[in-house]
Amino acid sequence: MKLGRLFFLVLVMVFLLPGNAYAYIDPGSGAFVLQMLLAAFFGRCFYVGKTRNWILGCVKKIIGCIKKNDPE
């Protein structure tokens, strides 16, 4: 627990007391990063949607077979 608090304190100090960062990110790199994040987000949404539809289709098939074979 004490190590976690120390880590959190160091992390807060790093972000609250920044030094000089002699770095430059050009707009092209920022646009590329944004494009990658958006592509990952929409790809994940597509994958989740396709998987959900496949699972629901399988469940509907199973329920349809059970109802079809159910002698009432």
Protein backbone atom coordinates (compact mmCIF):
# COMPACT_ATOMS: atom_id res chain seq x y z
CA MET A 1 0.00 0.00 0.00
CA LYS A 2 2.84 2.35 0.85
CA LEU A 3 4.56 1.65 -2.47
CA GLY A 4 1.33 2.49 -4.33
CA ARG A 5 1.04 5.83 -2.53
CA LEU A 6 4.66 6.63 -3.30
CA PHE A 7 4.15 5.77 -6.97
CA PHE A 8 1.02 7.96 -7.10
CA LEU A 9 2.86 10.84 -5.42
CA VAL A 10 5.76 10.61 -7.89
CA LEU A 11 3.32 10.42 -10.80
CA VAL A 12 1.46 13.52 -9.60
CA MET A 13 4.74 15.39 -9.12
CA VAL A 14 5.87 14.50 -12.64
CA PHE A 15 2.69 15.93 -14.15
CA LEU A 16 2.35 18.95 -11.88
CA LEU A 17 5.97 20.07 -12.04
CA PRO A 18 6.93 19.71 -15.68
CA GLY A 19 10.32 20.77 -16.89
CA ASN A 20 11.25 22.00 -20.32
CA ALA A 21 10.36 19.52 -23.00
CA TYR A 22 12.21 20.37 -26.14
CA ALA A 23 9.89 18.37 -28.36
CA TYR A 24 7.70 19.15 -31.30
CA ILE A 25 4.79 17.24 -32.75
CA ASP A 26 3.84 18.45 -36.18
CA PRO A 27 0.16 18.55 -37.23
CA GLY A 28 0.64 15.61 -39.58
CA SER A 29 1.65 13.35 -36.71
CA GLY A 30 -1.30 14.51 -34.62
CA ALA A 31 -3.69 13.81 -37.48
CA PHE A 32 -2.13 10.37 -37.96
CA VAL A 33 -2.56 9.52 -34.27
CA LEU A 34 -6.17 10.74 -34.36
CA GLN A 35 -6.82 8.65 -37.47
CA MET A 36 -5.36 5.56 -35.80
CA LEU A 37 -7.51 6.05 -32.69
CA LEU A 38 -10.68 6.53 -34.74
CA ALA A 39 -9.92 3.49 -36.90
CA ALA A 40 -9.34 1.37 -33.79
CA PHE A 41 -12.58 2.59 -32.22
CA PHE A 42 -14.75 1.96 -35.28
CA GLY A 43 -13.04 -1.36 -35.98
CA ARG A 44 -13.81 -2.48 -32.47
CA CYS A 45 -17.45 -1.33 -32.80
CA PHE A 46 -17.77 -3.30 -36.05
CA TYR A 47 -16.23 -6.42 -34.51
CA VAL A 48 -18.45 -6.27 -31.42
CA GLY A 49 -21.55 -5.73 -33.56
CA LYS A 50 -20.78 -8.63 -35.89
CA THR A 51 -20.02 -10.94 -32.97
CA ARG A 52 -23.22 -9.92 -31.17
CA ASN A 53 -25.30 -10.54 -34.29
CA TRP A 54 -23.68 -13.94 -34.80
CA ILE A 55 -24.37 -14.99 -31.19
CA LEU A 56 -27.97 -13.75 -31.38
CA GLY A 57 -28.46 -15.67 -34.66
CA CYS A 58 -27.17 -18.88 -33.08
CA VAL A 59 -29.43 -18.43 -30.05
CA LYS A 60 -32.45 -17.79 -32.30
CA LYS A 61 -31.67 -20.95 -34.30
CA ILE A 62 -31.46 -23.01 -31.12
CA ILE A 63 -34.69 -21.55 -29.75
CA GLY A 64 -36.38 -22.11 -33.12
CA CYS A 65 -35.31 -25.76 -33.17
CA ILE A 66 -36.50 -26.26 -29.59
CA LYS A 67 -39.90 -24.69 -30.34
CA LYS A 68 -40.20 -26.67 -33.58
CA ASN A 69 -39.52 -30.02 -31.84
CA ASP A 70 -41.55 -29.22 -28.71
CA PRO A 71 -44.70 -31.43 -28.73
CA GLU A 72 -47.44 -29.44 -27.07
